[in-house]
Amino acid sequence: MKLLIKIYTRLFSILTILKFKLLYGSKFKCSFSARLCPSLKVTIRKKGKLIIGKKVSLRDYITLNVTGGTLTLEDQVFINDFSSLNCRDSILIKENARLGQGVKVYDSDHDYKKDIIDSYLNSPVQIGSY
């Protein structure tokens, strides 16, 4: 039974990777050794780019939004359930980093000093070893 579960999990992970490769082409780079749950939600807009390294593990109900920036998950990163990463500039999660359940990461904030609704202040984010 455990072997069947492993095969099922691996198969759906590969199908999830292929789905996003078809949807986003060169904007989505992912190692086939990554483990992506089928509930993963990915949105890549404008010139955004998502890079997922080897043996990355993304649990259930994770959202990755990339709008014009680059979101990089280096090798062996683990992100737990119900987390969200929102990138407009640059988010880098370094090798072997672990993010707990429900973590929210943003590299931007609304510029409340301007009257324009879609005005943001952006700054790169790096999590993990320097």
N, C-alpha and C. Protein backbone atom coordinates (compact mmCIF):
# COMPACT_ATOMS: atom_id res chain seq x y z
N MET A 1 0.82 -1.20 0.00
CA MET A 1 0.00 0.00 0.00
C MET A 1 0.87 1.27 0.00
N LYS A 2 1.96 1.27 0.79
CA LYS A 2 2.84 2.43 0.83
C LYS A 2 3.46 2.71 -0.54
N LEU A 3 3.83 1.64 -1.25
CA LEU A 3 4.40 1.80 -2.58
C LEU A 3 3.39 2.42 -3.53
N LEU A 4 2.16 2.00 -3.45
CA LEU A 4 1.09 2.54 -4.29
C LEU A 4 0.89 4.04 -4.03
N ILE A 5 0.94 4.44 -2.77
CA ILE A 5 0.80 5.86 -2.40
C ILE A 5 1.97 6.67 -2.95
N LYS A 6 3.19 6.12 -2.87
CA LYS A 6 4.37 6.82 -3.41
C LYS A 6 4.25 7.00 -4.92
N ILE A 7 3.80 5.96 -5.60
CA ILE A 7 3.64 6.03 -7.07
C ILE A 7 2.58 7.07 -7.43
N TYR A 8 1.46 7.03 -6.73
CA TYR A 8 0.37 7.98 -6.95
C TYR A 8 0.86 9.42 -6.73
N THR A 9 1.55 9.66 -5.62
CA THR A 9 2.06 11.00 -5.29
C THR A 9 3.04 11.49 -6.35
N ARG A 10 3.96 10.62 -6.76
CA ARG A 10 4.97 10.99 -7.76
C ARG A 10 4.31 11.31 -9.10
N LEU A 11 3.35 10.48 -9.51
CA LEU A 11 2.66 10.68 -10.77
C LEU A 11 1.94 12.03 -10.80
N PHE A 12 1.21 12.36 -9.74
CA PHE A 12 0.50 13.63 -9.71
C PHE A 12 1.45 14.82 -9.63
N SER A 13 2.59 14.63 -8.99
CA SER A 13 3.60 15.68 -8.95
C SER A 13 4.12 15.97 -10.35
N ILE A 14 4.44 14.94 -11.09
CA ILE A 14 4.94 15.12 -12.46
C ILE A 14 3.86 15.75 -13.34
N LEU A 15 2.62 15.33 -13.21
CA LEU A 15 1.53 15.93 -13.98
C LEU A 15 1.34 17.41 -13.64
N THR A 16 1.51 17.76 -12.37
CA THR A 16 1.40 19.16 -11.95
C THR A 16 2.52 19.99 -12.57
N ILE A 17 3.75 19.46 -12.56
CA ILE A 17 4.88 20.16 -13.18
C ILE A 17 4.61 20.36 -14.68
N LEU A 18 4.17 19.31 -15.35
CA LEU A 18 3.89 19.41 -16.79
C LEU A 18 2.79 20.42 -17.08
N LYS A 19 1.78 20.47 -16.24
CA LYS A 19 0.68 21.43 -16.43
C LYS A 19 1.22 22.87 -16.44
N PHE A 20 2.08 23.19 -15.45
CA PHE A 20 2.60 24.56 -15.39
C PHE A 20 3.63 24.84 -16.47
N LYS A 21 4.38 23.83 -16.89
CA LYS A 21 5.31 24.01 -18.01
C LYS A 21 4.54 24.33 -19.29
N LEU A 22 3.41 23.66 -19.49
CA LEU A 22 2.58 23.93 -20.67
C LEU A 22 1.93 25.31 -20.59
N LEU A 23 1.46 25.69 -19.41
CA LEU A 23 0.78 26.98 -19.24
C LEU A 23 1.73 28.17 -19.38
N TYR A 24 2.93 28.05 -18.81
CA TYR A 24 3.82 29.21 -18.70
C TYR A 24 5.11 29.12 -19.51
N GLY A 25 5.38 27.99 -20.12
CA GLY A 25 6.57 27.85 -20.97
C GLY A 25 7.85 28.17 -20.23
N SER A 26 8.68 29.04 -20.82
CA SER A 26 10.00 29.35 -20.25
C SER A 26 9.92 30.18 -18.97
N LYS A 27 8.75 30.70 -18.62
CA LYS A 27 8.60 31.44 -17.37
C LYS A 27 8.57 30.52 -16.16
N PHE A 28 8.39 29.21 -16.38
CA PHE A 28 8.29 28.23 -15.31
C PHE A 28 9.38 27.18 -15.50
N LYS A 29 10.36 27.18 -14.59
CA LYS A 29 11.43 26.19 -14.63
C LYS A 29 11.37 25.38 -13.35
N CYS A 30 11.31 24.05 -13.51
CA CYS A 30 11.15 23.18 -12.35
C CYS A 30 11.83 21.85 -12.59
N SER A 31 12.59 21.40 -11.61
CA SER A 31 13.19 20.08 -11.67
C SER A 31 12.10 19.02 -11.50
N PHE A 32 12.22 17.93 -12.24
CA PHE A 32 11.24 16.85 -12.10
C PHE A 32 11.42 16.07 -10.79
N SER A 33 12.48 16.36 -10.03
CA SER A 33 12.63 15.73 -8.72
C SER A 33 11.83 16.48 -7.64
N ALA A 34 11.26 17.64 -8.00
CA ALA A 34 10.45 18.40 -7.05
C ALA A 34 9.14 17.66 -6.79
N ARG A 35 8.59 17.85 -5.60
CA ARG A 35 7.31 17.24 -5.23
C ARG A 35 6.28 18.35 -5.04
N LEU A 36 5.40 18.48 -6.04
CA LEU A 36 4.38 19.52 -6.04
C LEU A 36 3.01 18.88 -5.89
N CYS A 37 2.25 19.33 -4.92
CA CYS A 37 0.89 18.80 -4.74
C CYS A 37 -0.02 19.35 -5.83
N PRO A 38 -1.00 18.56 -6.24
CA PRO A 38 -1.94 19.01 -7.29
C PRO A 38 -2.72 20.27 -6.90
N SER A 39 -2.84 20.56 -5.61
CA SER A 39 -3.58 21.75 -5.16
C SER A 39 -2.75 23.04 -5.28
N LEU A 40 -1.49 22.93 -5.72
CA LEU A 40 -0.63 24.11 -5.89
C LEU A 40 -1.27 25.08 -6.88
N LYS A 41 -1.30 26.36 -6.50
CA LYS A 41 -1.82 27.41 -7.39
C LYS A 41 -0.65 28.30 -7.80
N VAL A 42 -0.43 28.42 -9.09
CA VAL A 42 0.66 29.26 -9.62
C VAL A 42 0.06 30.27 -10.58
N THR A 43 0.48 31.54 -10.40
CA THR A 43 0.10 32.60 -11.33
C THR A 43 1.38 33.35 -11.70
N ILE A 44 1.67 33.42 -12.98
CA ILE A 44 2.84 34.17 -13.46
C ILE A 44 2.34 35.19 -14.46
N ARG A 45 2.59 36.48 -14.17
CA ARG A 45 2.12 37.57 -15.03
C ARG A 45 3.30 38.41 -15.50
N LYS A 46 3.05 39.15 -16.57
CA LYS A 46 4.02 40.06 -17.16
C LYS A 46 5.30 39.31 -17.46
N LYS A 47 6.45 39.82 -17.02
CA LYS A 47 7.73 39.17 -17.28
C LYS A 47 8.18 38.32 -16.09
N GLY A 48 7.24 37.88 -15.29
CA GLY A 48 7.55 37.08 -14.12
C GLY A 48 8.20 35.75 -14.47
N LYS A 49 8.94 35.22 -13.50
CA LYS A 49 9.64 33.96 -13.69
C LYS A 49 9.63 33.18 -12.38
N LEU A 50 9.35 31.88 -12.45
CA LEU A 50 9.35 31.00 -11.29
C LEU A 50 10.36 29.89 -11.54
N ILE A 51 11.31 29.74 -10.59
CA ILE A 51 12.36 28.73 -10.70
C ILE A 51 12.28 27.84 -9.46
N ILE A 52 12.10 26.53 -9.68
CA ILE A 52 11.99 25.57 -8.59
C ILE A 52 13.11 24.55 -8.74
N GLY A 53 13.95 24.43 -7.71
CA GLY A 53 15.12 23.57 -7.76
C GLY A 53 14.83 22.10 -7.52
N LYS A 54 15.91 21.35 -7.33
CA LYS A 54 15.82 19.90 -7.12
C LYS A 54 15.30 19.57 -5.73
N LYS A 55 14.49 18.53 -5.67
CA LYS A 55 13.95 17.99 -4.42
C LYS A 55 13.23 19.01 -3.56
N VAL A 56 12.63 20.01 -4.19
CA VAL A 56 11.77 20.97 -3.49
C VAL A 56 10.47 20.25 -3.16
N SER A 57 9.92 20.52 -1.98
CA SER A 57 8.67 19.90 -1.57
C SER A 57 7.66 20.98 -1.20
N LEU A 58 6.57 21.04 -1.97
CA LEU A 58 5.51 22.01 -1.73
C LEU A 58 4.25 21.25 -1.34
N ARG A 59 3.78 21.48 -0.14
CA ARG A 59 2.63 20.75 0.39
C ARG A 59 1.32 21.29 -0.18
N ASP A 60 0.22 20.96 0.47
CA ASP A 60 -1.11 21.30 -0.05
C ASP A 60 -1.47 22.78 0.08
N TYR A 61 -2.24 23.25 -0.90
CA TYR A 61 -2.86 24.59 -0.89
C TYR A 61 -1.86 25.72 -0.75
N ILE A 62 -0.79 25.64 -1.51
CA ILE A 62 0.21 26.70 -1.56
C ILE A 62 -0.08 27.57 -2.79
N THR A 63 0.09 28.89 -2.63
CA THR A 63 -0.11 29.83 -3.72
C THR A 63 1.20 30.55 -4.02
N LEU A 64 1.60 30.53 -5.29
CA LEU A 64 2.79 31.24 -5.75
C LEU A 64 2.35 32.24 -6.80
N ASN A 65 2.40 33.54 -6.47
CA ASN A 65 2.02 34.61 -7.40
C ASN A 65 3.28 35.36 -7.80
N VAL A 66 3.53 35.44 -9.09
CA VAL A 66 4.70 36.16 -9.59
C VAL A 66 4.22 37.17 -10.63
N THR A 67 4.41 38.44 -10.31
CA THR A 67 3.97 39.51 -11.21
C THR A 67 5.17 40.36 -11.59
N GLY A 68 5.88 39.97 -12.63
CA GLY A 68 7.00 40.76 -13.13
C GLY A 68 8.34 40.47 -12.48
N GLY A 69 8.37 39.81 -11.36
CA GLY A 69 9.62 39.54 -10.66
C GLY A 69 10.09 38.11 -10.87
N THR A 70 11.06 37.71 -10.05
CA THR A 70 11.58 36.34 -10.10
C THR A 70 11.46 35.71 -8.72
N LEU A 71 10.78 34.59 -8.66
CA LEU A 71 10.64 33.80 -7.44
C LEU A 71 11.48 32.55 -7.61
N THR A 72 12.47 32.36 -6.73
CA THR A 72 13.38 31.22 -6.82
C THR A 72 13.32 30.41 -5.55
N LEU A 73 13.06 29.12 -5.71
CA LEU A 73 13.12 28.16 -4.61
C LEU A 73 14.30 27.25 -4.91
N GLU A 74 15.38 27.41 -4.15
CA GLU A 74 16.57 26.61 -4.40
C GLU A 74 16.36 25.15 -3.98
N ASP A 75 17.36 24.32 -4.19
CA ASP A 75 17.27 22.88 -3.93
C ASP A 75 16.86 22.58 -2.49
N GLN A 76 16.04 21.56 -2.34
CA GLN A 76 15.60 20.98 -1.07
C GLN A 76 14.86 21.96 -0.15
N VAL A 77 14.18 22.93 -0.73
CA VAL A 77 13.32 23.83 0.03
C VAL A 77 12.03 23.08 0.36
N PHE A 78 11.50 23.32 1.56
CA PHE A 78 10.23 22.73 1.98
C PHE A 78 9.29 23.85 2.38
N ILE A 79 8.07 23.85 1.83
CA ILE A 79 7.06 24.83 2.20
C ILE A 79 5.81 24.06 2.61
N ASN A 80 5.34 24.33 3.82
CA ASN A 80 4.21 23.59 4.39
C ASN A 80 2.87 24.15 3.90
N ASP A 81 1.80 23.46 4.28
CA ASP A 81 0.43 23.74 3.83
C ASP A 81 0.01 25.21 4.02
N PHE A 82 -0.86 25.65 3.13
CA PHE A 82 -1.56 26.95 3.23
C PHE A 82 -0.63 28.16 3.25
N SER A 83 0.53 28.05 2.62
CA SER A 83 1.47 29.16 2.55
C SER A 83 1.29 29.91 1.24
N SER A 84 1.81 31.15 1.21
CA SER A 84 1.65 32.00 0.04
C SER A 84 2.90 32.84 -0.16
N LEU A 85 3.43 32.86 -1.38
CA LEU A 85 4.55 33.71 -1.74
C LEU A 85 4.10 34.61 -2.88
N ASN A 86 4.26 35.93 -2.69
CA ASN A 86 3.78 36.92 -3.64
C ASN A 86 4.94 37.81 -4.07
N CYS A 87 5.33 37.70 -5.33
CA CYS A 87 6.57 38.32 -5.81
C CYS A 87 6.30 39.33 -6.92
N ARG A 88 6.81 40.55 -6.72
CA ARG A 88 6.78 41.59 -7.75
C ARG A 88 8.20 42.00 -8.15
N ASP A 89 9.17 41.71 -7.30
CA ASP A 89 10.56 42.09 -7.55
C ASP A 89 11.43 40.84 -7.52
N SER A 90 11.76 40.36 -6.32
CA SER A 90 12.61 39.17 -6.20
C SER A 90 12.41 38.52 -4.83
N ILE A 91 12.08 37.24 -4.85
CA ILE A 91 12.05 36.44 -3.63
C ILE A 91 12.97 35.24 -3.88
N LEU A 92 13.93 35.06 -2.98
CA LEU A 92 14.87 33.95 -3.06
C LEU A 92 14.79 33.15 -1.77
N ILE A 93 14.38 31.89 -1.88
CA ILE A 93 14.36 30.99 -0.73
C ILE A 93 15.57 30.08 -0.93
N LYS A 94 16.55 30.22 -0.05
CA LYS A 94 17.83 29.53 -0.20
C LYS A 94 17.73 28.04 0.07
N GLU A 95 18.73 27.32 -0.38
CA GLU A 95 18.82 25.86 -0.25
C GLU A 95 18.56 25.39 1.18
N ASN A 96 17.78 24.33 1.30
CA ASN A 96 17.45 23.67 2.57
C ASN A 96 16.57 24.49 3.52
N ALA A 97 16.03 25.61 3.07
CA ALA A 97 15.15 26.41 3.94
C ALA A 97 13.82 25.69 4.16
N ARG A 98 13.23 25.91 5.32
CA ARG A 98 11.95 25.30 5.68
C ARG A 98 10.98 26.41 6.09
N LEU A 99 9.82 26.46 5.44
CA LEU A 99 8.79 27.43 5.79
C LEU A 99 7.62 26.67 6.40
N GLY A 100 7.15 27.12 7.55
CA GLY A 100 6.08 26.44 8.27
C GLY A 100 4.72 26.66 7.66
N GLN A 101 3.73 26.11 8.31
CA GLN A 101 2.35 26.17 7.85
C GLN A 101 1.81 27.60 7.89
N GLY A 102 1.14 28.00 6.80
CA GLY A 102 0.47 29.29 6.76
C GLY A 102 1.37 30.51 6.63
N VAL A 103 2.61 30.34 6.19
CA VAL A 103 3.55 31.45 6.05
C VAL A 103 3.16 32.30 4.84
N LYS A 104 3.25 33.62 4.99
CA LYS A 104 2.98 34.56 3.90
C LYS A 104 4.24 35.39 3.66
N VAL A 105 4.71 35.43 2.42
CA VAL A 105 5.91 36.20 2.08
C VAL A 105 5.54 37.16 0.95
N TYR A 106 5.83 38.44 1.16
CA TYR A 106 5.60 39.48 0.16
C TYR A 106 6.88 40.27 -0.03
N ASP A 107 7.19 40.67 -1.25
CA ASP A 107 8.33 41.55 -1.49
C ASP A 107 7.85 42.95 -1.88
N SER A 108 6.57 43.22 -1.64
CA SER A 108 6.01 44.53 -2.00
C SER A 108 4.93 44.93 -1.01
N ASP A 109 4.63 46.20 -1.04
CA ASP A 109 3.55 46.74 -0.22
C ASP A 109 2.93 47.89 -1.00
N HIS A 110 1.69 48.19 -0.73
CA HIS A 110 1.05 49.32 -1.39
C HIS A 110 1.72 50.61 -0.94
N ASP A 111 1.92 51.51 -1.91
CA ASP A 111 2.48 52.83 -1.61
C ASP A 111 1.31 53.74 -1.24
N TYR A 112 1.01 53.80 0.05
CA TYR A 112 -0.15 54.56 0.54
C TYR A 112 0.01 56.07 0.38
N LYS A 113 1.22 56.56 0.09
CA LYS A 113 1.45 57.99 -0.07
C LYS A 113 1.01 58.49 -1.44
N LYS A 114 0.76 57.58 -2.36
CA LYS A 114 0.33 57.96 -3.71
C LYS A 114 -1.16 57.70 -3.87
N ASP A 115 -1.78 58.47 -4.72
CA ASP A 115 -3.21 58.33 -4.98
C ASP A 115 -3.52 57.19 -5.95
N ILE A 116 -2.48 56.61 -6.53
CA ILE A 116 -2.68 55.54 -7.52
C ILE A 116 -2.87 54.22 -6.80
N ILE A 117 -3.94 53.52 -7.12
CA ILE A 117 -4.27 52.25 -6.46
C ILE A 117 -3.20 51.19 -6.72
N ASP A 118 -2.69 51.11 -7.95
CA ASP A 118 -1.74 50.07 -8.31
C ASP A 118 -0.28 50.52 -8.15
N SER A 119 0.00 51.31 -7.14
CA SER A 119 1.36 51.75 -6.87
C SER A 119 1.95 50.92 -5.72
N TYR A 120 3.13 50.34 -5.96
CA TYR A 120 3.74 49.45 -4.97
C TYR A 120 5.16 49.88 -4.66
N LEU A 121 5.59 49.58 -3.45
CA LEU A 121 6.98 49.70 -3.04
C LEU A 121 7.54 48.28 -3.00
N ASN A 122 8.61 48.03 -3.75
CA ASN A 122 9.18 46.69 -3.86
C ASN A 122 10.57 46.64 -3.26
N SER A 123 10.91 45.52 -2.67
CA SER A 123 12.25 45.29 -2.13
C SER A 123 12.52 43.79 -2.14
N PRO A 124 13.72 43.37 -2.58
CA PRO A 124 14.02 41.94 -2.64
C PRO A 124 13.97 41.27 -1.27
N VAL A 125 13.57 40.00 -1.26
CA VAL A 125 13.49 39.20 -0.03
C VAL A 125 14.36 37.97 -0.21
N GLN A 126 15.16 37.67 0.81
CA GLN A 126 15.95 36.44 0.82
C GLN A 126 15.75 35.75 2.13
N ILE A 127 15.42 34.45 2.09
CA ILE A 127 15.23 33.66 3.29
C ILE A 127 16.20 32.49 3.23
N GLY A 128 16.95 32.31 4.30
CA GLY A 128 17.92 31.21 4.36
C GLY A 128 19.33 31.74 4.52
N SER A 129 20.29 30.88 4.32
CA SER A 129 21.71 31.24 4.55
C SER A 129 22.15 32.33 3.59
N TYR A 130 23.09 33.16 4.07
CA TYR A 130 23.61 34.27 3.27
C TYR A 130 25.00 33.96 2.78
